[in-house]
Protein backbone atom coordinates (compact mmCIF):
# COMPACT_ATOMS: atom_id res chain seq x y z
CA UNK A 1 -10.71 -58.09 -9.76
CA UNK A 2 -14.04 -57.36 -10.96
CA UNK A 3 -14.70 -61.15 -11.42
CA UNK A 4 -13.91 -61.61 -7.82
CA UNK A 5 -16.00 -58.77 -6.71
CA UNK A 6 -19.04 -59.59 -8.51
CA UNK A 7 -18.52 -63.31 -7.38
CA UNK A 8 -18.38 -62.07 -3.66
CA UNK A 9 -21.53 -59.87 -3.89
CA UNK A 10 -23.48 -62.56 -5.56
CA UNK A 11 -22.69 -64.96 -2.86
CA UNK A 12 -23.64 -62.48 -0.29
CA UNK A 13 -26.96 -61.64 -1.75
CA UNK A 14 -27.54 -65.63 -1.32
CA UNK A 15 -27.50 -66.33 -5.05
CA UNK A 16 -27.55 -70.18 -5.79
CA UNK A 17 -23.94 -71.16 -6.66
CA UNK A 18 -20.97 -73.70 -6.09
CA UNK A 19 -18.46 -71.04 -5.98
CA UNK A 20 -18.22 -70.53 -2.07
CA UNK A 21 -18.07 -74.07 -1.82
CA UNK A 22 -14.86 -74.31 -3.95
CA UNK A 23 -13.46 -71.43 -1.95
CA UNK A 24 -14.00 -72.79 1.15
CA UNK A 25 -13.14 -70.64 4.28
CA UNK A 26 -10.73 -68.25 2.43
CA UNK A 27 -11.94 -65.41 -0.08
CA UNK A 28 -13.10 -66.00 -3.38
CA UNK A 29 -10.52 -65.97 -6.05
CA UNK A 30 -11.15 -65.62 -9.89
CA UNK A 31 -9.82 -69.30 -10.30
CA UNK A 32 -12.83 -70.29 -7.94
CA UNK A 33 -15.21 -68.53 -10.45
CA UNK A 34 -13.48 -70.23 -13.36
CA UNK A 35 -13.68 -73.87 -11.64
CA UNK A 36 -17.42 -73.44 -10.93
CA UNK A 37 -17.87 -72.13 -14.35
CA UNK A 38 -16.07 -75.42 -15.84
CA UNK A 39 -18.55 -77.31 -13.65
CA UNK A 40 -21.42 -75.74 -15.49
CA UNK A 41 -22.37 -73.36 -12.40
CA UNK A 42 -25.00 -70.88 -13.66
CA UNK A 43 -24.12 -67.95 -11.76
CA UNK A 44 -20.10 -68.45 -12.58
CA UNK A 45 -21.18 -68.71 -16.48
CA UNK A 46 -22.90 -65.59 -16.17
CA UNK A 47 -20.30 -64.05 -14.56
CA UNK A 48 -17.32 -64.98 -16.86
CA UNK A 49 -19.14 -64.12 -19.78
CA UNK A 50 -20.07 -60.71 -18.07
CA UNK A 51 -16.27 -60.45 -17.42
CA UNK A 52 -15.38 -61.17 -21.29
CA UNK A 53 -17.81 -58.59 -22.45
CA UNK A 54 -16.38 -56.27 -20.22
CA UNK A 55 -12.91 -56.95 -21.20
CA UNK A 56 -14.07 -56.60 -24.83
CA UNK A 57 -15.31 -53.11 -24.18
CA UNK A 58 -12.09 -52.32 -22.78
CA UNK A 59 -10.16 -53.46 -25.52
CA UNK A 60 -12.14 -51.71 -27.94
CA UNK A 61 -11.50 -48.41 -26.00
CA UNK A 62 -7.98 -49.25 -26.24
CA UNK A 63 -8.08 -49.65 -30.02
CA UNK A 64 -10.21 -46.51 -30.66
CA UNK A 65 -7.65 -44.39 -28.54
CA UNK A 66 -4.43 -45.94 -29.58
CA UNK A 67 -4.54 -48.45 -32.51
CA UNK A 68 -2.05 -50.91 -30.79
CA UNK A 69 -0.47 -53.69 -32.67
CA UNK A 70 -1.05 -55.86 -29.73
CA UNK A 71 -2.96 -56.00 -26.28
CA UNK A 72 -1.58 -57.63 -23.56
CA UNK A 73 -3.99 -59.37 -20.74
CA UNK A 74 -2.33 -60.00 -17.31
CA UNK A 75 -3.58 -60.97 -13.86
CA UNK A 76 -5.53 -63.87 -12.56
CA UNK A 77 -7.93 -63.98 -15.58
CA UNK A 78 -5.18 -64.51 -17.96
CA UNK A 79 -4.68 -67.90 -16.78
CA UNK A 80 -7.80 -68.80 -18.28
CA UNK A 81 -7.63 -66.92 -21.27
CA UNK A 82 -8.98 -69.45 -23.76
CA UNK A 83 -11.97 -69.76 -21.78
CA UNK A 84 -13.32 -66.28 -22.16
CA UNK A 85 -11.48 -65.29 -25.48
CA UNK A 86 -14.09 -65.98 -27.90
CA UNK A 87 -16.94 -64.46 -26.21
CA UNK A 88 -14.44 -61.27 -25.54
CA UNK A 89 -13.45 -61.16 -29.17
CA UNK A 90 -17.33 -61.47 -30.18
CA UNK A 91 -17.81 -58.00 -28.24
CA UNK A 92 -14.86 -56.41 -30.07
CA UNK A 93 -16.11 -57.75 -33.33
CA UNK A 94 -19.63 -56.54 -32.95
CA UNK A 95 -18.81 -53.42 -31.40
CA UNK A 96 -15.47 -51.92 -32.33
CA UNK A 97 -15.50 -49.16 -35.30
CA UNK A 98 -14.77 -50.63 -38.43
CA UNK A 99 -12.00 -48.62 -40.77
């Protein structure tokens, strides 16, 4: 996912974070970023908020194109839906075209 990719890139750049400590020897997963987020890691907070923003923008595009009654979100980030829902919806409410 984008969240994993952005986290990996940040770790490779040497940004200060506990994400790699949480992941250990294995590759970074979205769940590692969320664990760091819940522990107050500044990079993880930034990454989760960024992910919420981009998901919100994606939802806006779906709404504008198809006007669906519902939108389903799946994948690893959906396990932490409550964590980013408010920020995602804030983006949708600010940027979506009003009828």
